[in-house]
Amino acid sequence: GKVQLDDLIAGYLPDDVQLPTYQGERAAITIRHLATHTAG
């Protein structure tokens, strides 16, 4: 119960960490994306 596959990774990182962008917008990357090589 510590994580879920479809949790956004932003919720586990410090607030001041800038996340990658896609087409100029901050991307919504999930734990599942990282685990399946689908984060881009």
Full PDB file with SEQRES, HELIX, SHEET, SSBOND, CRYST1, ORIGX, SCALE, CONECT and MASTER records, all heavy atoms in Angstrom:
SEQRES   1 A   40  GLY LYS VAL GLN LEU ASP ASP LEU ILE ALA GLY TYR LEU          
SEQRES   2 A   40  PRO ASP ASP VAL GLN LEU PRO THR TYR GLN GLY GLU ARG          
SEQRES   3 A   40  ALA ALA ILE THR ILE ARG HIS LEU ALA THR HIS THR ALA          
SEQRES   4 A   40  GLY                                                          
HELIX    1 AA1 ILE A    9  TYR A   12  5                                   4    
HELIX    2 AA2 ILE A   31  ALA A   35  1                                   5    
SHEET    1 AA1 2 THR A  21  TYR A  22  0                                        
SHEET    2 AA1 2 GLU A  25  ARG A  26 -1                                        
CRYST1    1.000    1.000    1.000  90.00  90.00  90.00 P 1           1          
ORIGX1      1.000000  0.000000  0.000000        0.00000                         
ORIGX2      0.000000  1.000000  0.000000        0.00000                         
ORIGX3      0.000000  0.000000  1.000000        0.00000                         
SCALE1      1.000000  0.000000  0.000000        0.00000                         
SCALE2      0.000000  1.000000  0.000000        0.00000                         
SCALE3      0.000000  0.000000  1.000000        0.00000                         
ATOM      1  N   GLY A   1       0.779  -1.226   0.000  1.00  0.00           N  
ATOM      2  CA  GLY A   1       0.000   0.000   0.000  1.00  0.00           C  
ATOM      3  C   GLY A   1       0.812   1.278   0.000  1.00  0.00           C  
ATOM      4  O   GLY A   1       0.264   2.365   0.198  1.00  0.00           O  
ATOM      5  N   LYS A   2       2.121   1.174  -0.278  1.00  0.00           N  
ATOM      6  CA  LYS A   2       2.973   2.365  -0.263  1.00  0.00           C  
ATOM      7  C   LYS A   2       2.898   3.163  -1.559  1.00  0.00           C  
ATOM      8  O   LYS A   2       3.142   4.378  -1.575  1.00  0.00           O  
ATOM      9  CB  LYS A   2       4.422   1.973   0.030  1.00  0.00           C  
ATOM     10  CG  LYS A   2       4.642   1.454   1.445  1.00  0.00           C  
ATOM     11  CD  LYS A   2       6.118   1.204   1.711  1.00  0.00           C  
ATOM     12  CE  LYS A   2       6.392   0.898   3.178  1.00  0.00           C  
ATOM     13  NZ  LYS A   2       5.843  -0.384   3.609  1.00  0.00           N  
ATOM     14  N   VAL A   3       2.605   2.493  -2.678  1.00  0.00           N  
ATOM     15  CA  VAL A   3       2.473   3.153  -3.984  1.00  0.00           C  
ATOM     16  C   VAL A   3       1.395   2.431  -4.778  1.00  0.00           C  
ATOM     17  O   VAL A   3       0.966   1.326  -4.416  1.00  0.00           O  
ATOM     18  CB  VAL A   3       3.800   3.135  -4.791  1.00  0.00           C  
ATOM     19  CG1 VAL A   3       4.874   3.949  -4.117  1.00  0.00           C  
ATOM     20  CG2 VAL A   3       4.273   1.706  -5.026  1.00  0.00           C  
ATOM     21  N   GLN A   4       0.977   3.046  -5.879  1.00  0.00           N  
ATOM     22  CA  GLN A   4       0.090   2.419  -6.843  1.00  0.00           C  
ATOM     23  C   GLN A   4       0.663   2.631  -8.243  1.00  0.00           C  
ATOM     24  O   GLN A   4       1.349   3.645  -8.494  1.00  0.00           O  
ATOM     25  CB  GLN A   4      -1.334   2.992  -6.769  1.00  0.00           C  
ATOM     26  CG  GLN A   4      -2.038   2.728  -5.444  1.00  0.00           C  
ATOM     27  CD  GLN A   4      -2.238   1.248  -5.174  1.00  0.00           C  
ATOM     28  OE1 GLN A   4      -2.535   0.471  -6.088  1.00  0.00           O  
ATOM     29  NE2 GLN A   4      -2.045   0.838  -3.919  1.00  0.00           N  
ATOM     30  N   LEU A   5       0.382   1.703  -9.144  1.00  0.00           N  
ATOM     31  CA  LEU A   5       0.962   1.778 -10.483  1.00  0.00           C  
ATOM     32  C   LEU A   5       0.621   3.072 -11.200  1.00  0.00           C  
ATOM     33  O   LEU A   5       1.448   3.607 -11.947  1.00  0.00           O  
ATOM     34  CB  LEU A   5       0.502   0.579 -11.326  1.00  0.00           C  
ATOM     35  CG  LEU A   5       1.326  -0.694 -11.229  1.00  0.00           C  
ATOM     36  CD1 LEU A   5       0.661  -1.820 -12.005  1.00  0.00           C  
ATOM     37  CD2 LEU A   5       2.753  -0.486 -11.736  1.00  0.00           C  
ATOM     38  N   ASP A   6      -0.571   3.570 -11.010  1.00  0.00           N  
ATOM     39  CA  ASP A   6      -0.996   4.746 -11.776  1.00  0.00           C  
ATOM     40  C   ASP A   6      -0.880   6.045 -10.989  1.00  0.00           C  
ATOM     41  O   ASP A   6      -1.441   7.071 -11.372  1.00  0.00           O  
ATOM     42  CB  ASP A   6      -2.419   4.535 -12.296  1.00  0.00           C  
ATOM     43  CG  ASP A   6      -2.482   3.404 -13.316  1.00  0.00           C  
ATOM     44  OD1 ASP A   6      -1.612   3.370 -14.206  1.00  0.00           O  
ATOM     45  OD2 ASP A   6      -3.363   2.539 -13.210  1.00  0.00           O  
ATOM     46  N   ASP A   7      -0.108   6.028  -9.903  1.00  0.00           N  
ATOM     47  CA  ASP A   7       0.207   7.268  -9.187  1.00  0.00           C  
ATOM     48  C   ASP A   7       1.100   8.142 -10.054  1.00  0.00           C  
ATOM     49  O   ASP A   7       2.017   7.650 -10.728  1.00  0.00           O  
ATOM     50  CB  ASP A   7       0.952   6.969  -7.888  1.00  0.00           C  
ATOM     51  CG  ASP A   7       0.070   6.385  -6.803  1.00  0.00           C  
ATOM     52  OD1 ASP A   7      -1.172   6.401  -6.979  1.00  0.00           O  
ATOM     53  OD2 ASP A   7       0.616   5.927  -5.786  1.00  0.00           O  
ATOM     54  N   LEU A   8       0.874   9.442 -10.017  1.00  0.00           N  
ATOM     55  CA  LEU A   8       1.777  10.392 -10.669  1.00  0.00           C  
ATOM     56  C   LEU A   8       3.061  10.482  -9.867  1.00  0.00           C  
ATOM     57  O   LEU A   8       3.034  10.596  -8.625  1.00  0.00           O  
ATOM     58  CB  LEU A   8       1.122  11.763 -10.779  1.00  0.00           C  
ATOM     59  CG  LEU A   8      -0.076  11.872 -11.721  1.00  0.00           C  
ATOM     60  CD1 LEU A   8      -0.759  13.223 -11.569  1.00  0.00           C  
ATOM     61  CD2 LEU A   8       0.369  11.669 -13.164  1.00  0.00           C  
ATOM     62  N   ILE A   9       4.192  10.470 -10.535  1.00  0.00           N  
ATOM     63  CA  ILE A   9       5.467  10.520  -9.823  1.00  0.00           C  
ATOM     64  C   ILE A   9       5.683  11.869  -9.148  1.00  0.00           C  
ATOM     65  O   ILE A   9       6.442  11.959  -8.175  1.00  0.00           O  
ATOM     66  CB  ILE A   9       6.646  10.194 -10.754  1.00  0.00           C  
ATOM     67  CG1 ILE A   9       6.803  11.261 -11.842  1.00  0.00           C  
ATOM     68  CG2 ILE A   9       6.495   8.804 -11.354  1.00  0.00           C  
ATOM     69  CD1 ILE A   9       8.117  11.137 -12.611  1.00  0.00           C  
ATOM     70  N   ALA A  10       5.007  12.916  -9.635  1.00  0.00           N  
ATOM     71  CA  ALA A  10       5.164  14.245  -9.041  1.00  0.00           C  
ATOM     72  C   ALA A  10       4.842  14.229  -7.555  1.00  0.00           C  
ATOM     73  O   ALA A  10       5.434  14.981  -6.770  1.00  0.00           O  
ATOM     74  CB  ALA A  10       4.274  15.255  -9.759  1.00  0.00           C  
ATOM     75  N   GLY A  11       3.921  13.357  -7.149  1.00  0.00           N  
ATOM     76  CA  GLY A  11       3.529  13.297  -5.746  1.00  0.00           C  
ATOM     77  C   GLY A  11       4.590  12.719  -4.840  1.00  0.00           C  
ATOM     78  O   GLY A  11       4.460  12.804  -3.609  1.00  0.00           O  
ATOM     79  N   TYR A  12       5.656  12.143  -5.393  1.00  0.00           N  
ATOM     80  CA  TYR A  12       6.711  11.519  -4.591  1.00  0.00           C  
ATOM     81  C   TYR A  12       8.024  12.301  -4.650  1.00  0.00           C  
ATOM     82  O   TYR A  12       9.003  11.891  -4.025  1.00  0.00           O  
ATOM     83  CB  TYR A  12       6.949  10.084  -5.062  1.00  0.00           C  
ATOM     84  CG  TYR A  12       5.750   9.199  -4.857  1.00  0.00           C  
ATOM     85  CD1 TYR A  12       4.826   8.997  -5.884  1.00  0.00           C  
ATOM     86  CD2 TYR A  12       5.509   8.583  -3.628  1.00  0.00           C  
ATOM     87  CE1 TYR A  12       3.708   8.195  -5.688  1.00  0.00           C  
ATOM     88  CE2 TYR A  12       4.397   7.783  -3.424  1.00  0.00           C  
ATOM     89  CZ  TYR A  12       3.496   7.595  -4.466  1.00  0.00           C  
ATOM     90  OH  TYR A  12       2.380   6.807  -4.269  1.00  0.00           O  
ATOM     91  N   LEU A  13       8.045  13.401  -5.380  1.00  0.00           N  
ATOM     92  CA  LEU A  13       9.258  14.185  -5.538  1.00  0.00           C  
ATOM     93  C   LEU A  13       9.113  15.524  -4.832  1.00  0.00           C  
ATOM     94  O   LEU A  13       7.996  16.009  -4.610  1.00  0.00           O  
ATOM     95  CB  LEU A  13       9.547  14.402  -7.029  1.00  0.00           C  
ATOM     96  CG  LEU A  13       9.771  13.135  -7.862  1.00  0.00           C  
ATOM     97  CD1 LEU A  13       9.929  13.488  -9.336  1.00  0.00           C  
ATOM     98  CD2 LEU A  13      10.984  12.351  -7.366  1.00  0.00           C  
ATOM     99  N   PRO A  14      10.232  16.158  -4.457  1.00  0.00           N  
ATOM    100  CA  PRO A  14      10.150  17.489  -3.839  1.00  0.00           C  
ATOM    101  C   PRO A  14       9.403  18.483  -4.732  1.00  0.00           C  
ATOM    102  O   PRO A  14       9.479  18.396  -5.967  1.00  0.00           O  
ATOM    103  CB  PRO A  14      11.622  17.873  -3.681  1.00  0.00           C  
ATOM    104  CG  PRO A  14      12.353  16.569  -3.610  1.00  0.00           C  
ATOM    105  CD  PRO A  14      11.615  15.643  -4.526  1.00  0.00           C  
ATOM    106  N   ASP A  15       8.712  19.409  -4.107  1.00  0.00           N  
ATOM    107  CA  ASP A  15       7.878  20.357  -4.860  1.00  0.00           C  
ATOM    108  C   ASP A  15       8.690  21.214  -5.827  1.00  0.00           C  
ATOM    109  O   ASP A  15       8.160  21.672  -6.843  1.00  0.00           O  
ATOM    110  CB  ASP A  15       7.119  21.270  -3.882  1.00  0.00           C  
ATOM    111  CG  ASP A  15       6.067  20.521  -3.086  1.00  0.00           C  
ATOM    112  OD1 ASP A  15       5.653  19.438  -3.528  1.00  0.00           O  
ATOM    113  OD2 ASP A  15       5.670  21.021  -2.003  1.00  0.00           O  
ATOM    114  N   ASP A  16       9.966  21.452  -5.504  1.00  0.00           N  
ATOM    115  CA  ASP A  16      10.756  22.341  -6.360  1.00  0.00           C  
ATOM    116  C   ASP A  16      11.441  21.634  -7.520  1.00  0.00           C  
ATOM    117  O   ASP A  16      12.150  22.262  -8.313  1.00  0.00           O  
ATOM    118  CB  ASP A  16      11.796  23.093  -5.524  1.00  0.00           C  
ATOM    119  CG  ASP A  16      12.773  22.150  -4.817  1.00  0.00           C  
ATOM    120  OD1 ASP A  16      12.516  20.928  -4.806  1.00  0.00           O  
ATOM    121  OD2 ASP A  16      13.792  22.637  -4.285  1.00  0.00           O  
ATOM    122  N   VAL A  17      11.228  20.317  -7.653  1.00  0.00           N  
ATOM    123  CA  VAL A  17      11.819  19.585  -8.774  1.00  0.00           C  
ATOM    124  C   VAL A  17      10.990  19.812 -10.026  1.00  0.00           C  
ATOM    125  O   VAL A  17       9.769  19.597 -10.029  1.00  0.00           O  
ATOM    126  CB  VAL A  17      11.908  18.072  -8.466  1.00  0.00           C  
ATOM    127  CG1 VAL A  17      12.330  17.293  -9.704  1.00  0.00           C  
ATOM    128  CG2 VAL A  17      12.885  17.821  -7.326  1.00  0.00           C  
ATOM    129  N   GLN A  18      11.633  20.284 -11.084  1.00  0.00           N  
ATOM    130  CA  GLN A  18      10.950  20.498 -12.351  1.00  0.00           C  
ATOM    131  C   GLN A  18      10.883  19.181 -13.119  1.00  0.00           C  
ATOM    132  O   GLN A  18      11.905  18.530 -13.316  1.00  0.00           O  
ATOM    133  CB  GLN A  18      11.679  21.554 -13.184  1.00  0.00           C  
ATOM    134  CG  GLN A  18      11.708  22.925 -12.543  1.00  0.00           C  
ATOM    135  CD  GLN A  18      12.412  23.946 -13.421  1.00  0.00           C  
ATOM    136  OE1 GLN A  18      12.724  23.678 -14.582  1.00  0.00           O  
ATOM    137  NE2 GLN A  18      12.655  25.130 -12.872  1.00  0.00           N  
ATOM    138  N   LEU A  19       9.692  18.830 -13.563  1.00  0.00           N  
ATOM    139  CA  LEU A  19       9.510  17.580 -14.291  1.00  0.00           C  
ATOM    140  C   LEU A  19       9.690  17.781 -15.793  1.00  0.00           C  
ATOM    141  O   LEU A  19       9.590  18.911 -16.291  1.00  0.00           O  
ATOM    142  CB  LEU A  19       8.127  17.008 -14.000  1.00  0.00           C  
ATOM    143  CG  LEU A  19       7.923  16.475 -12.587  1.00  0.00           C  
ATOM    144  CD1 LEU A  19       6.506  15.954 -12.407  1.00  0.00           C  
ATOM    145  CD2 LEU A  19       8.929  15.376 -12.270  1.00  0.00           C  
ATOM    146  N   PRO A  20       9.966  16.691 -16.539  1.00  0.00           N  
ATOM    147  CA  PRO A  20      10.094  16.803 -17.993  1.00  0.00           C  
ATOM    148  C   PRO A  20       8.837  17.381 -18.632  1.00  0.00           C  
ATOM    149  O   PRO A  20       7.733  17.293 -18.073  1.00  0.00           O  
ATOM    150  CB  PRO A  20      10.317  15.357 -18.427  1.00  0.00           C  
ATOM    151  CG  PRO A  20      10.901  14.676 -17.239  1.00  0.00           C  
ATOM    152  CD  PRO A  20      10.236  15.320 -16.060  1.00  0.00           C  
ATOM    153  N   THR A  21       9.024  17.953 -19.800  1.00  0.00           N  
ATOM    154  CA  THR A  21       7.906  18.550 -20.530  1.00  0.00           C  
ATOM    155  C   THR A  21       7.633  17.784 -21.816  1.00  0.00           C  
ATOM    156  O   THR A  21       8.519  17.144 -22.382  1.00  0.00           O  
ATOM    157  CB  THR A  21       8.199  20.020 -20.869  1.00  0.00           C  
ATOM    158  OG1 THR A  21       9.388  20.100 -21.676  1.00  0.00           O  
ATOM    159  CG2 THR A  21       8.392  20.849 -19.605  1.00  0.00           C  
ATOM    160  N   TYR A  22       6.388  17.887 -22.257  1.00  0.00           N  
ATOM    161  CA  TYR A  22       6.001  17.362 -23.566  1.00  0.00           C  
ATOM    162  C   TYR A  22       5.204  18.447 -24.272  1.00  0.00           C  
ATOM    163  O   TYR A  22       4.188  18.928 -23.747  1.00  0.00           O  
ATOM    164  CB  TYR A  22       5.168  16.091 -23.439  1.00  0.00           C  
ATOM    165  CG  TYR A  22       4.701  15.557 -24.782  1.00  0.00           C  
ATOM    166  CD1 TYR A  22       5.612  15.005 -25.670  1.00  0.00           C  
ATOM    167  CD2 TYR A  22       3.359  15.652 -25.161  1.00  0.00           C  
ATOM    168  CE1 TYR A  22       5.199  14.540 -26.909  1.00  0.00           C  
ATOM    169  CE2 TYR A  22       2.948  15.178 -26.393  1.00  0.00           C  
ATOM    170  CZ  TYR A  22       3.873  14.628 -27.271  1.00  0.00           C  
ATOM    171  OH  TYR A  22       3.454  14.183 -28.498  1.00  0.00           O  
ATOM    172  N   GLN A  23       5.692  18.875 -25.427  1.00  0.00           N  
ATOM    173  CA  GLN A  23       5.086  19.960 -26.195  1.00  0.00           C  
ATOM    174  C   GLN A  23       4.878  21.193 -25.332  1.00  0.00           C  
ATOM    175  O   GLN A  23       3.842  21.859 -25.364  1.00  0.00           O  
ATOM    176  CB  GLN A  23       3.759  19.499 -26.815  1.00  0.00           C  
ATOM    177  CG  GLN A  23       3.939  18.395 -27.846  1.00  0.00           C  
ATOM    178  CD  GLN A  23       2.652  17.994 -28.528  1.00  0.00           C  
ATOM    179  OE1 GLN A  23       1.551  18.359 -28.092  1.00  0.00           O  
ATOM    180  NE2 GLN A  23       2.765  17.244 -29.620  1.00  0.00           N  
ATOM    181  N   GLY A  24       5.895  21.498 -24.518  1.00  0.00           N  
ATOM    182  CA  GLY A  24       5.893  22.716 -23.725  1.00  0.00           C  
ATOM    183  C   GLY A  24       5.163  22.644 -22.404  1.00  0.00           C  
ATOM    184  O   GLY A  24       5.223  23.587 -21.617  1.00  0.00           O  
ATOM    185  N   GLU A  25       4.487  21.541 -22.126  1.00  0.00           N  
ATOM    186  CA  GLU A  25       3.732  21.397 -20.876  1.00  0.00           C  
ATOM    187  C   GLU A  25       4.365  20.337 -19.992  1.00  0.00           C  
ATOM    188  O   GLU A  25       4.930  19.359 -20.483  1.00  0.00           O  
ATOM    189  CB  GLU A  25       2.276  21.006 -21.178  1.00  0.00           C  
ATOM    190  CG  GLU A  25       1.515  22.000 -22.047  1.00  0.00           C  
ATOM    191  CD  GLU A  25       1.265  23.320 -21.332  1.00  0.00           C  
ATOM    192  OE1 GLU A  25       1.170  23.285 -20.071  1.00  0.00           O  
ATOM    193  OE2 GLU A  25       1.176  24.359 -22.007  1.00  0.00           O  
ATOM    194  N   ARG A  26       4.247  20.536 -18.679  1.00  0.00           N  
ATOM    195  CA  ARG A  26       4.764  19.534 -17.752  1.00  0.00           C  
ATOM    196  C   ARG A  26       4.009  18.231 -17.954  1.00  0.00           C  
ATOM    197  O   ARG A  26       2.776  18.211 -17.949  1.00  0.00           O  
ATOM    198  CB  ARG A  26       4.611  20.020 -16.306  1.00  0.00           C  
ATOM    199  CG  ARG A  26       5.363  19.139 -15.321  1.00  0.00           C  
ATOM    200  CD  ARG A  26       5.358  19.710 -13.927  1.00  0.00           C  
ATOM    201  NE  ARG A  26       4.144  19.344 -13.204  1.00  0.00           N  
ATOM    202  CZ  ARG A  26       4.047  19.353 -11.880  1.00  0.00           C  
ATOM    203  NH1 ARG A  26       5.076  19.743 -11.150  1.00  0.00           N  
ATOM    204  NH2 ARG A  26       2.919  19.021 -11.293  1.00  0.00           N  
ATOM    205  N   ALA A  27       4.746  17.146 -18.120  1.00  0.00           N  
ATOM    206  CA  ALA A  27       4.137  15.859 -18.458  1.00  0.00           C  
ATOM    207  C   ALA A  27       3.594  15.153 -17.218  1.00  0.00           C  
ATOM    208  O   ALA A  27       4.146  15.265 -16.126  1.00  0.00           O  
ATOM    209  CB  ALA A  27       5.157  14.968 -19.146  1.00  0.00           C  
ATOM    210  N   ALA A  28       2.493  14.433 -17.420  1.00  0.00           N  
ATOM    211  CA  ALA A  28       1.891  13.629 -16.359  1.00  0.00           C  
ATOM    212  C   ALA A  28       2.441  12.209 -16.460  1.00  0.00           C  
ATOM    213  O   ALA A  28       1.890  11.347 -17.151  1.00  0.00           O  
ATOM    214  CB  ALA A  28       0.375  13.636 -16.484  1.00  0.00           C  
ATOM    215  N   ILE A  29       3.556  11.961 -15.769  1.00  0.00           N  
ATOM    216  CA  ILE A  29       4.228  10.665 -15.801  1.00  0.00           C  
ATOM    217  C   ILE A  29       3.816   9.854 -14.581  1.00  0.00           C  
ATOM    218  O   ILE A  29       3.825  10.359 -13.453  1.00  0.00           O  
ATOM    219  CB  ILE A  29       5.756  10.842 -15.814  1.00  0.00           C  
ATOM    220  CG1 ILE A  29       6.200  11.633 -17.049  1.00  0.00           C  
ATOM    221  CG2 ILE A  29       6.456   9.493 -15.778  1.00  0.00           C  
ATOM    222  CD1 ILE A  29       7.675  11.981 -17.049  1.00  0.00           C  
ATOM    223  N   THR A  30       3.450   8.594 -14.809  1.00  0.00           N  
ATOM    224  CA  THR A  30       3.049   7.721 -13.710  1.00  0.00           C  
ATOM    225  C   THR A  30       4.128   6.677 -13.425  1.00  0.00           C  
ATOM    226  O   THR A  30       5.048   6.473 -14.226  1.00  0.00           O  
ATOM    227  CB  THR A  30       1.733   6.992 -14.025  1.00  0.00           C  
ATOM    228  OG1 THR A  30       1.972   6.065 -15.109  1.00  0.00           O  
ATOM    229  CG2 THR A  30       0.628   7.964 -14.414  1.00  0.00           C  
ATOM    230  N   ILE A  31       3.974   6.004 -12.303  1.00  0.00           N  
ATOM    231  CA  ILE A  31       4.868   4.903 -11.967  1.00  0.00           C  
ATOM    232  C   ILE A  31       4.786   3.805 -13.035  1.00  0.00           C  
ATOM    233  O   ILE A  31       5.805   3.225 -13.428  1.00  0.00           O  
ATOM    234  CB  ILE A  31       4.529   4.350 -10.573  1.00  0.00           C  
ATOM    235  CG1 ILE A  31       4.963   5.369  -9.512  1.00  0.00           C  
ATOM    236  CG2 ILE A  31       5.176   3.004 -10.329  1.00  0.00           C  
ATOM    237  CD1 ILE A  31       4.564   5.026  -8.097  1.00  0.00           C  
ATOM    238  N   ARG A  32       3.593   3.524 -13.537  1.00  0.00           N  
ATOM    239  CA  ARG A  32       3.445   2.523 -14.599  1.00  0.00           C  
ATOM    240  C   ARG A  32       4.244   2.906 -15.844  1.00  0.00           C  
ATOM    241  O   ARG A  32       4.870   2.047 -16.478  1.00  0.00           O  
ATOM    242  CB  ARG A  32       1.971   2.349 -14.966  1.00  0.00           C  
ATOM    243  CG  ARG A  32       1.717   1.198 -15.942  1.00  0.00           C  
ATOM    244  CD  ARG A  32       0.292   1.208 -16.463  1.00  0.00           C  
ATOM    245  NE  ARG A  32      -0.692   1.071 -15.420  1.00  0.00           N  
ATOM    246  CZ  ARG A  32      -1.181  -0.084 -14.975  1.00  0.00           C  
ATOM    247  NH1 ARG A  32      -0.753  -1.222 -15.491  1.00  0.00           N  
ATOM    248  NH2 ARG A  32      -2.096  -0.108 -14.020  1.00  0.00           N  
ATOM    249  N   HIS A  33       4.235   4.183 -16.202  1.00  0.00           N  
ATOM    250  CA  HIS A  33       5.004   4.627 -17.364  1.00  0.00           C  
ATOM    251  C   HIS A  33       6.484   4.308 -17.189  1.00  0.00           C  
ATOM    252  O   HIS A  33       7.154   3.833 -18.122  1.00  0.00           O  
ATOM    253  CB  HIS A  33       4.831   6.131 -17.574  1.00  0.00           C  
ATOM    254  CG  HIS A  33       3.451   6.532 -17.988  1.00  0.00           C  
ATOM    255  ND1 HIS A  33       2.892   7.744 -17.638  1.00  0.00           N  
ATOM    256  CD2 HIS A  33       2.506   5.879 -18.712  1.00  0.00           C  
ATOM    257  CE1 HIS A  33       1.669   7.826 -18.137  1.00  0.00           C  
ATOM    258  NE2 HIS A  33       1.416   6.709 -18.791  1.00  0.00           N  
ATOM    259  N   LEU A  34       7.018   4.580 -16.010  1.00  0.00           N  
ATOM    260  CA  LEU A  34       8.436   4.301 -15.774  1.00  0.00           C  
ATOM    261  C   LEU A  34       8.714   2.803 -15.820  1.00  0.00           C  
ATOM    262  O   LEU A  34       9.726   2.369 -16.380  1.00  0.00           O  
ATOM    263  CB  LEU A  34       8.858   4.861 -14.412  1.00  0.00           C  
ATOM    264  CG  LEU A  34       8.756   6.379 -14.221  1.00  0.00           C  
ATOM    265  CD1 LEU A  34       9.212   6.755 -12.819  1.00  0.00           C  
ATOM    266  CD2 LEU A  34       9.562   7.138 -15.265  1.00  0.00           C  
ATOM    267  N   ALA A  35       7.821   2.006 -15.242  1.00  0.00           N  
ATOM    268  CA  ALA A  35       8.038   0.556 -15.147  1.00  0.00           C  
ATOM    269  C   ALA A  35       7.880  -0.158 -16.475  1.00  0.00           C  
ATOM    270  O   ALA A  35       8.335  -1.297 -16.628  1.00  0.00           O  
ATOM    271  CB  ALA A  35       7.086  -0.040 -14.119  1.00  0.00           C  
ATOM    272  N   THR A  36       7.242   0.488 -17.455  1.00  0.00           N  
ATOM    273  CA  THR A  36       6.993  -0.135 -18.754  1.00  0.00           C  
ATOM    274  C   THR A  36       7.706   0.582 -19.908  1.00  0.00           C  
ATOM    275  O   THR A  36       7.422   0.316 -21.066  1.00  0.00           O  
ATOM    276  CB  THR A  36       5.483  -0.179 -19.058  1.00  0.00           C  
ATOM    277  OG1 THR A  36       4.955   1.157 -19.004  1.00  0.00           O  
ATOM    278  CG2 THR A  36       4.742  -1.049 -18.048  1.00  0.00           C  
ATOM    279  N   HIS A  37       8.616   1.484 -19.581  1.00  0.00           N  
ATOM    280  CA  HIS A  37       9.376   2.222 -20.605  1.00  0.00           C  
ATOM    281  C   HIS A  37       8.462   3.028 -21.523  1.00  0.00           C  
ATOM    282  O   HIS A  37       8.719   3.154 -22.725  1.00  0.00           O  
ATOM    283  CB  HIS A  37      10.236   1.263 -21.444  1.00  0.00           C  
ATOM    284  CG  HIS A  37      11.256   0.511 -20.645  1.00  0.00           C  
ATOM    285  ND1 HIS A  37      12.402   1.078 -20.139  1.00  0.00           N  
ATOM    286  CD2 HIS A  37      11.295  -0.791 -20.241  1.00  0.00           C  
ATOM    287  CE1 HIS A  37      13.107   0.179 -19.482  1.00  0.00           C  
ATOM    288  NE2 HIS A  37      12.458  -0.965 -19.519  1.00  0.00           N  
ATOM    289  N   THR A  38       7.385   3.557 -20.978  1.00  0.00           N  
ATOM    290  CA  THR A  38       6.437   4.331 -21.800  1.00  0.00           C  
ATOM    291  C   THR A  38       6.343   5.787 -21.361  1.00  0.00           C  
ATOM    292  O   THR A  38       5.394   6.484 -21.731  1.00  0.00           O  
ATOM    293  CB  THR A  38       5.037   3.695 -21.741  1.00  0.00           C  
ATOM    294  OG1 THR A  38       4.596   3.602 -20.377  1.00  0.00           O  
ATOM    295  CG2 THR A  38       5.025   2.308 -22.358  1.00  0.00           C  
ATOM    296  N   ALA A  39       7.314   6.276 -20.604  1.00  0.00           N  
ATOM    297  CA  ALA A  39       7.263   7.661 -20.122  1.00  0.00           C  
ATOM    298  C   ALA A  39       7.671   8.658 -21.190  1.00  0.00           C  
ATOM    299  O   ALA A  39       7.396   9.859 -21.054  1.00  0.00           O  
ATOM    300  CB  ALA A  39       8.158   7.825 -18.894  1.00  0.00           C  
ATOM    301  N   GLY A  40       8.329   8.202 -22.245  1.00  0.00           N  
ATOM    302  CA  GLY A  40       8.827   9.121 -23.268  1.00  0.00           C  
ATOM    303  C   GLY A  40      10.214   9.650 -22.974  1.00  0.00           C  
ATOM    304  O   GLY A  40      10.717  10.512 -23.695  1.00  0.00           O  
TER     305      GLY A  40                                                      
MASTER        0    0    0    2    2    0    0    6  304    1    0    4          
END                                                                             
